[in-house]
Amino acid sequence: MPGIPFNALDRQHDPMLSAELADAFGRVATSGWYVLGEEVSMFEREFAAYCGVDHAIGVANGSEALELAVAALDLPPGSTVALAPNAAMYATLAVLANGVEPSFVDVDAQSATIDVQALASTITETTRAVIVTHLYGRMAEVEPIVALAAARGIPVIEDCAQAHGANRDGRHAGSFGVAGCFSFYPTKNLGALGDGGAIVTSDASLAGRLRQLRQYGWATKYDVALAHGRNSRLDELQAAMLRRKLGRLDDWNSRRRAIAGRYHAGIRHPEIRAPQRRGSDDAAHLYVVYCARRDDLRRHLSRHGIGTDVHYPIPDHRQRIFERRYDELHLPVVEMLARTALSLPCFPELRDDETDAVIDTCNSWQR
């Protein structure tokens, strides 16, 4: 293990949280109800209230949250869904799983989120939905995107897998589009002790469809009324764990932002471009810098015992599954960011002295 890990989930479990989680485990284990019980219902209510929406639907993971959100729109054959191809295929796979096609859009160089003008020029008569990813915890320019799409009768799905708690002008990520999709993978800002996900919405009809789709498409037990249903339910145990963690999310996000601020103020190497400084609309899930000699910088940090990662090295339109289908498609900003992005350690339990060591090591890097 590196001296300064990229992430360290074991540090999150201080004695108080560990005791709360152990108590929650015991109560679920002795309840005799393990699927879609009271813990899931209560977490759904609490998470919906936190996000400022009317409904939350717990599902098995973040990927299926996206798949089910697309399925609930019941898009006609031949539809395309506009999205940015710089988030490891999660949204693209959700689109493909529903038998429709992605339409790839370039991103803004500062935020790495979908570019509004590029989106406007990409929308065609086949565009039936837009997926907006709040990448690295940074909220995209979701308000003008929703307005642009609404003028054309196109629903917007928010991919909030990295943006738990990000908010702008008092509105949380996930509350702007027709639905917001969350992952509770353990490394997320709000993470379970395994897989989990949720979809949030204020559309009661859409929420009803989603509750059916997550359980085989049933109208009533064994009566399959909707196509594209599946078994995708948030575990009762994971819901119990998430309920105990939800109250800490804002404090954890504040600490992430403080670490990001420390990096932003301290990294001064001329070859390392820091991300744009943001406020509450950045949950600081990842702290990503950009460097033309990314791999050399990463080796330098590794030699000094500092863990890093790359989010993400291969744009969706360059993935092998497409068999060169998109060879003629050039998205210069997406491709440049994929070549240069490097993620530094940024998790709430990272100590100030560790953060300073990362800064010093970045600044000491030489040719």
Protein backbone atom coordinates (compact mmCIF):
# COMPACT_ATOMS: atom_id res chain seq x y z
CA MET A 1 0.00 0.00 0.00
CA PRO A 2 1.26 3.54 -0.73
CA GLY A 3 2.27 5.76 2.16
CA ILE A 4 -0.54 8.13 1.21
CA PRO A 5 -3.38 6.04 -0.24
CA PHE A 6 -5.62 7.24 -3.02
CA ASN A 7 -8.54 6.28 -0.80
CA ALA A 8 -8.87 4.61 2.60
CA LEU A 9 -12.38 3.49 3.45
CA ASP A 10 -11.28 1.95 6.73
CA ARG A 11 -10.50 5.42 8.08
CA GLN A 12 -14.17 6.42 7.78
CA HIS A 13 -15.27 3.98 10.44
CA ASP A 14 -14.51 5.85 13.63
CA PRO A 15 -15.77 4.23 16.85
CA MET A 16 -19.08 6.14 16.84
CA LEU A 17 -19.96 5.33 13.24
CA SER A 18 -18.83 1.73 13.65
CA ALA A 19 -21.13 1.35 16.65
CA GLU A 20 -24.06 2.87 14.72
CA LEU A 21 -23.49 0.55 11.77
CA ALA A 22 -23.17 -2.49 14.02
CA ASP A 23 -26.45 -1.58 15.73
CA ALA A 24 -28.14 -1.14 12.34
CA PHE A 25 -26.84 -4.50 11.17
CA GLY A 26 -28.14 -6.20 14.29
CA ARG A 27 -31.58 -4.68 13.96
CA VAL A 28 -31.92 -5.69 10.32
CA ALA A 29 -30.56 -9.17 10.97
CA THR A 30 -33.07 -9.82 13.76
CA SER A 31 -36.02 -8.19 11.96
CA GLY A 32 -36.55 -11.12 9.60
CA TRP A 33 -37.24 -8.70 6.71
CA TYR A 34 -34.35 -8.22 4.28
CA VAL A 35 -35.80 -6.92 0.99
CA LEU A 36 -37.90 -3.73 0.51
CA GLY A 37 -38.67 -3.33 4.17
CA GLU A 38 -38.89 -0.43 6.57
CA GLU A 39 -35.22 0.59 6.28
CA VAL A 40 -35.53 1.02 2.51
CA SER A 41 -38.79 2.95 2.86
CA MET A 42 -37.33 5.27 5.49
CA PHE A 43 -34.11 5.83 3.56
CA GLU A 44 -36.09 6.65 0.43
CA ARG A 45 -38.10 9.26 2.33
CA GLU A 46 -35.01 10.73 4.00
CA PHE A 47 -32.91 10.82 0.83
CA ALA A 48 -35.75 12.39 -1.18
CA ALA A 49 -36.09 15.09 1.46
CA TYR A 50 -32.34 15.67 1.45
CA CYS A 51 -32.33 16.08 -2.36
CA GLY A 52 -35.39 18.31 -2.28
CA VAL A 53 -37.64 16.04 -4.35
CA ASP A 54 -40.82 14.09 -3.71
CA HIS A 55 -39.67 10.55 -4.40
CA ALA A 56 -36.60 8.33 -4.13
CA ILE A 57 -36.54 4.78 -5.45
CA GLY A 58 -33.81 2.51 -4.10
CA VAL A 59 -32.20 0.22 -6.68
CA ALA A 60 -29.34 -2.27 -6.78
CA ASN A 61 -26.59 0.05 -8.05
CA GLY A 62 -25.88 3.29 -9.87
CA SER A 63 -25.60 1.70 -13.30
CA GLU A 64 -29.06 0.20 -13.01
CA ALA A 65 -30.37 3.53 -11.74
CA LEU A 66 -29.37 4.99 -15.10
CA GLU A 67 -30.73 2.01 -17.06
CA LEU A 68 -34.09 2.12 -15.30
CA ALA A 69 -34.37 5.90 -15.64
CA VAL A 70 -33.92 5.56 -19.40
CA ALA A 71 -36.31 2.60 -19.51
CA ALA A 72 -38.98 4.58 -17.65
CA LEU A 73 -39.00 7.17 -20.44
CA ASP A 74 -40.18 4.45 -22.87
CA LEU A 75 -38.21 5.88 -25.79
CA PRO A 76 -39.33 4.83 -29.29
CA PRO A 77 -37.08 2.77 -31.59
CA GLY A 78 -34.54 4.88 -33.44
CA SER A 79 -34.15 7.32 -30.54
CA THR A 80 -30.82 8.82 -29.57
CA VAL A 81 -29.75 10.07 -26.15
CA ALA A 82 -27.27 12.94 -25.97
CA LEU A 83 -24.49 12.58 -23.39
CA ALA A 84 -20.84 13.37 -22.76
CA PRO A 85 -18.55 10.36 -23.39
CA ASN A 86 -16.02 11.00 -20.62
CA ALA A 87 -17.35 9.04 -17.64
CA ALA A 88 -16.27 5.42 -18.16
CA MET A 89 -19.24 4.28 -20.28
CA TYR A 90 -21.78 4.16 -17.44
CA ALA A 91 -24.37 6.37 -19.14
CA THR A 92 -23.55 4.96 -22.57
CA LEU A 93 -24.08 1.39 -21.40
CA ALA A 94 -27.42 2.39 -19.86
CA VAL A 95 -28.52 3.80 -23.21
CA LEU A 96 -27.37 0.75 -25.16
CA ALA A 97 -29.09 -1.59 -22.68
CA ASN A 98 -32.38 0.05 -23.64
CA GLY A 99 -31.94 -0.55 -27.36
CA VAL A 100 -31.36 3.08 -28.30
CA GLU A 101 -28.20 4.90 -29.37
CA PRO A 102 -25.89 7.41 -27.68
CA SER A 103 -25.17 10.75 -29.33
CA PHE A 104 -21.83 11.95 -28.02
CA VAL A 105 -21.28 15.60 -27.06
CA ASP A 106 -18.02 17.39 -26.26
CA VAL A 107 -17.41 18.95 -22.85
CA ASP A 108 -16.25 22.23 -21.38
CA ALA A 109 -12.48 22.32 -20.81
CA GLN A 110 -12.75 23.87 -17.35
CA SER A 111 -15.54 21.82 -15.78
CA ALA A 112 -15.20 18.60 -17.86
CA THR A 113 -19.02 18.52 -17.96
CA ILE A 114 -21.23 18.66 -21.04
CA ASP A 115 -20.84 21.84 -23.10
CA VAL A 116 -24.18 23.61 -23.56
CA GLN A 117 -23.37 25.01 -27.00
CA ALA A 118 -22.05 21.68 -28.21
CA LEU A 119 -25.24 20.05 -26.96
CA ALA A 120 -27.38 22.57 -28.82
CA SER A 121 -25.61 21.77 -32.08
CA THR A 122 -25.84 17.99 -31.47
CA ILE A 123 -29.58 17.74 -30.85
CA THR A 124 -31.48 16.39 -33.85
CA GLU A 125 -34.99 15.13 -34.55
CA THR A 126 -34.00 11.72 -33.16
CA THR A 127 -32.84 13.11 -29.79
CA ARG A 128 -35.35 11.92 -27.20
CA ALA A 129 -33.40 12.44 -23.96
CA VAL A 130 -30.27 14.03 -22.51
CA ILE A 131 -28.10 12.59 -19.73
CA VAL A 132 -26.11 15.21 -17.85
CA THR A 133 -23.25 13.85 -15.74
CA HIS A 134 -22.08 15.90 -12.77
CA LEU A 135 -18.52 14.69 -13.18
CA TYR A 136 -16.03 14.48 -10.30
CA GLY A 137 -18.72 15.97 -8.04
CA ARG A 138 -19.00 19.21 -10.05
CA MET A 139 -22.49 20.19 -11.08
CA ALA A 140 -22.81 20.75 -14.81
CA GLU A 141 -24.54 23.84 -16.18
CA VAL A 142 -27.76 21.96 -15.68
CA GLU A 143 -30.14 24.93 -15.65
CA PRO A 144 -29.49 26.07 -19.26
CA ILE A 145 -29.34 22.45 -20.37
CA VAL A 146 -32.77 21.73 -18.89
CA ALA A 147 -34.12 24.93 -20.47
CA LEU A 148 -32.65 24.03 -23.86
CA ALA A 149 -34.09 20.52 -23.71
CA ALA A 150 -37.46 21.59 -22.35
CA ALA A 151 -37.96 23.98 -25.28
CA ARG A 152 -37.74 20.90 -27.51
CA GLY A 153 -39.81 18.61 -25.29
CA ILE A 154 -36.75 16.53 -24.34
CA PRO A 155 -36.40 15.12 -20.79
CA VAL A 156 -33.10 15.45 -18.92
CA ILE A 157 -31.72 12.73 -16.64
CA GLU A 158 -29.01 13.77 -14.17
CA ASP A 159 -26.19 11.34 -13.46
CA CYS A 160 -25.37 12.26 -9.86
CA ALA A 161 -23.22 9.24 -9.04
CA GLN A 162 -20.35 11.52 -7.97
CA ALA A 163 -22.34 14.52 -6.78
CA HIS A 164 -24.16 13.57 -3.57
CA GLY A 165 -24.87 16.81 -1.77
CA ALA A 166 -23.67 19.19 -4.48
CA ASN A 167 -26.04 22.15 -4.60
CA ARG A 168 -26.49 25.45 -6.38
CA ASP A 169 -28.64 28.27 -5.03
CA GLY A 170 -30.18 25.87 -2.55
CA ARG A 171 -31.12 23.19 -5.09
CA HIS A 172 -29.41 19.83 -4.93
CA ALA A 173 -28.03 17.79 -7.79
CA GLY A 174 -30.78 15.45 -8.94
CA SER A 175 -33.62 17.95 -8.50
CA PHE A 176 -33.33 19.76 -11.87
CA GLY A 177 -34.13 17.09 -14.46
CA VAL A 178 -36.99 14.62 -14.65
CA ALA A 179 -34.85 12.20 -12.62
CA GLY A 180 -31.52 12.06 -10.83
CA CYS A 181 -29.52 8.84 -10.60
CA PHE A 182 -27.20 8.04 -7.70
CA SER A 183 -24.65 5.34 -6.95
CA PHE A 184 -23.84 4.32 -3.40
CA TYR A 185 -20.72 2.36 -4.33
CA PRO A 186 -18.44 2.37 -1.26
CA THR A 187 -16.07 5.08 -2.57
CA LYS A 188 -18.85 7.59 -3.29
CA ASN A 189 -19.44 10.62 -1.09
CA LEU A 190 -22.35 8.68 0.38
CA GLY A 191 -21.24 5.08 0.14
CA ALA A 192 -22.79 1.80 1.23
CA LEU A 193 -20.89 -1.27 2.42
CA GLY A 194 -21.41 -2.78 -1.00
CA ASP A 195 -23.42 -1.84 -4.08
CA GLY A 196 -26.52 0.31 -4.00
CA GLY A 197 -28.24 3.07 -5.94
CA ALA A 198 -31.27 5.33 -6.11
CA ILE A 199 -33.31 7.39 -8.53
CA VAL A 200 -34.91 10.62 -7.33
CA THR A 201 -37.76 12.51 -8.98
CA SER A 202 -40.70 14.79 -8.28
CA ASP A 203 -42.79 13.19 -11.04
CA ALA A 204 -45.24 10.85 -9.30
CA SER A 205 -46.09 8.96 -12.49
CA LEU A 206 -42.41 8.40 -13.30
CA ALA A 207 -41.76 7.28 -9.72
CA GLY A 208 -44.56 4.72 -10.01
CA ARG A 209 -43.09 3.33 -13.23
CA LEU A 210 -39.66 3.11 -11.64
CA ARG A 211 -40.98 1.21 -8.63
CA GLN A 212 -42.54 -1.30 -11.01
CA LEU A 213 -39.44 -1.56 -13.21
CA ARG A 214 -37.10 -2.27 -10.29
CA GLN A 215 -39.20 -5.33 -9.45
CA TYR A 216 -39.71 -7.18 -12.74
CA GLY A 217 -42.18 -4.64 -14.12
CA TRP A 218 -44.89 -6.01 -11.82
CA ALA A 219 -48.22 -4.21 -11.47
CA THR A 220 -49.04 -6.69 -8.71
CA LYS A 221 -47.05 -9.74 -7.68
CA TYR A 222 -46.32 -11.98 -10.71
CA ASP A 223 -48.32 -9.68 -13.02
CA VAL A 224 -45.70 -8.19 -15.40
CA ALA A 225 -47.13 -4.98 -16.84
CA LEU A 226 -44.05 -3.08 -18.02
CA ALA A 227 -41.30 -4.11 -20.39
CA HIS A 228 -37.62 -3.75 -19.38
CA GLY A 229 -38.29 -4.62 -15.74
CA ARG A 230 -35.69 -6.45 -13.69
CA ASN A 231 -34.69 -7.43 -10.18
CA SER A 232 -32.95 -4.24 -9.02
CA ARG A 233 -33.69 -3.56 -5.38
CA LEU A 234 -31.66 -1.73 -2.76
CA ASP A 235 -30.88 -4.20 0.03
CA GLU A 236 -32.55 -3.56 3.36
CA LEU A 237 -29.15 -3.87 5.04
CA GLN A 238 -27.49 -1.32 2.75
CA ALA A 239 -30.39 1.09 3.27
CA ALA A 240 -29.85 0.82 7.03
CA MET A 241 -26.16 1.64 6.61
CA LEU A 242 -26.89 4.58 4.31
CA ARG A 243 -29.41 6.04 6.76
CA ARG A 244 -26.71 6.18 9.44
CA LYS A 245 -24.26 7.84 7.05
CA LEU A 246 -26.60 10.37 5.45
CA GLY A 247 -26.43 12.73 8.42
CA ARG A 248 -22.65 12.96 8.02
CA LEU A 249 -22.66 13.67 4.29
CA ASP A 250 -22.54 17.46 4.48
CA ASP A 251 -19.63 17.39 6.93
CA TRP A 252 -17.76 14.90 4.76
CA ASN A 253 -18.35 17.11 1.72
CA SER A 254 -17.09 20.16 3.60
CA ARG A 255 -13.89 18.30 4.41
CA ARG A 256 -13.50 17.23 0.76
CA ARG A 257 -13.88 20.85 -0.33
CA ALA A 258 -11.29 21.95 2.22
CA ILE A 259 -8.79 19.42 0.83
CA ALA A 260 -9.56 20.59 -2.71
CA GLY A 261 -9.04 24.19 -1.61
CA ARG A 262 -5.69 23.29 -0.06
CA TYR A 263 -4.59 21.65 -3.31
CA HIS A 264 -5.82 24.60 -5.34
CA ALA A 265 -3.86 27.09 -3.25
CA GLY A 266 -0.72 24.99 -2.94
CA ILE A 267 -0.01 23.30 -6.29
CA ARG A 268 2.10 25.73 -8.29
CA HIS A 269 3.95 23.53 -10.76
CA PRO A 270 3.74 25.20 -14.19
CA GLU A 271 2.94 21.92 -15.97
CA ILE A 272 0.06 20.97 -13.66
CA ARG A 273 -3.30 22.60 -14.37
CA ALA A 274 -5.61 22.64 -11.38
CA PRO A 275 -9.39 22.39 -11.87
CA GLN A 276 -11.58 25.46 -11.73
CA ARG A 277 -12.32 26.48 -8.13
CA ARG A 278 -15.96 25.90 -7.24
CA GLY A 279 -18.25 26.35 -4.25
CA SER A 280 -21.11 24.27 -2.87
CA ASP A 281 -21.95 23.06 -6.38
CA ASP A 282 -18.84 20.87 -6.23
CA ALA A 283 -19.01 17.91 -3.84
CA ALA A 284 -15.27 17.31 -4.49
CA HIS A 285 -15.71 13.61 -5.10
CA LEU A 286 -12.44 13.62 -7.01
CA TYR A 287 -9.64 16.17 -7.30
CA VAL A 288 -8.45 15.92 -10.88
CA VAL A 289 -5.50 17.86 -12.29
CA TYR A 290 -4.35 17.96 -15.90
CA CYS A 291 -0.83 17.45 -17.15
CA ALA A 292 0.56 16.77 -20.63
CA ARG A 293 3.14 14.44 -19.04
CA ARG A 294 0.52 12.76 -16.90
CA ASP A 295 2.19 9.33 -16.77
CA ASP A 296 5.56 10.79 -15.75
CA LEU A 297 3.89 12.79 -12.98
CA ARG A 298 2.04 9.71 -11.83
CA ARG A 299 5.28 7.70 -11.63
CA HIS A 300 6.90 10.52 -9.66
CA LEU A 301 4.08 10.52 -7.13
CA SER A 302 4.18 6.72 -6.89
CA ARG A 303 7.90 6.75 -6.15
CA HIS A 304 7.09 9.00 -3.19
CA GLY A 305 4.40 6.63 -1.93
CA ILE A 306 1.40 8.62 -3.13
CA GLY A 307 -1.55 6.77 -4.65
CA THR A 308 -3.27 8.21 -7.73
CA ASP A 309 -5.77 7.11 -10.38
CA VAL A 310 -6.91 8.18 -13.84
CA HIS A 311 -10.56 9.21 -14.33
CA TYR A 312 -10.94 8.33 -17.18
CA PRO A 313 -8.37 7.18 -19.75
CA ILE A 314 -10.60 6.00 -22.63
CA PRO A 315 -13.49 8.12 -23.96
CA ASP A 316 -16.65 6.17 -24.71
CA HIS A 317 -16.43 6.71 -28.48
CA ARG A 318 -12.94 5.17 -28.46
CA GLN A 319 -13.93 2.01 -26.59
CA ARG A 320 -13.23 -1.29 -28.34
CA ILE A 321 -16.84 -2.46 -28.28
CA PHE A 322 -17.69 0.05 -31.00
CA GLU A 323 -15.18 -1.52 -33.42
CA ARG A 324 -14.01 1.81 -34.83
CA ARG A 325 -17.57 2.92 -35.53
CA TYR A 326 -16.73 6.42 -34.31
CA ASP A 327 -13.32 6.82 -35.98
CA GLU A 328 -14.52 9.95 -37.76
CA LEU A 329 -15.94 11.51 -34.61
CA HIS A 330 -13.50 13.90 -32.96
CA LEU A 331 -14.36 15.51 -29.66
CA PRO A 332 -11.17 17.47 -28.97
CA VAL A 333 -11.81 18.50 -25.38
CA VAL A 334 -12.95 15.04 -24.23
CA GLU A 335 -9.92 13.47 -25.91
CA MET A 336 -7.47 16.02 -24.49
CA LEU A 337 -8.78 15.57 -20.95
CA ALA A 338 -8.55 11.77 -21.25
CA ARG A 339 -4.85 12.09 -22.14
CA THR A 340 -4.01 14.49 -19.33
CA ALA A 341 -6.31 13.83 -16.33
CA LEU A 342 -4.81 12.59 -13.05
CA SER A 343 -6.74 12.14 -9.81
CA LEU A 344 -5.00 12.98 -6.53
CA PRO A 345 -6.05 11.64 -3.10
CA CYS A 346 -9.19 13.46 -1.90
CA PHE A 347 -11.27 11.78 0.79
CA PRO A 348 -12.58 13.22 4.07
CA GLU A 349 -10.14 11.39 6.33
CA LEU A 350 -7.04 12.55 4.42
CA ARG A 351 -4.92 14.49 6.92
CA ASP A 352 -3.59 18.00 6.32
CA ASP A 353 0.01 16.79 6.54
CA GLU A 354 -0.75 14.17 3.88
CA THR A 355 -2.39 16.79 1.67
CA ASP A 356 0.66 19.02 2.09
CA ALA A 357 2.96 16.12 1.19
CA VAL A 358 1.02 15.60 -2.05
CA ILE A 359 1.32 19.31 -2.83
CA ASP A 360 5.07 19.37 -2.10
CA THR A 361 5.66 16.26 -4.21
CA CYS A 362 3.75 17.75 -7.15
CA ASN A 363 5.71 21.00 -6.89
CA SER A 364 9.07 19.17 -6.68
CA TRP A 365 8.50 17.20 -9.89
CA GLN A 366 11.24 17.83 -12.45
CA ARG A 367 12.01 16.61 -15.96
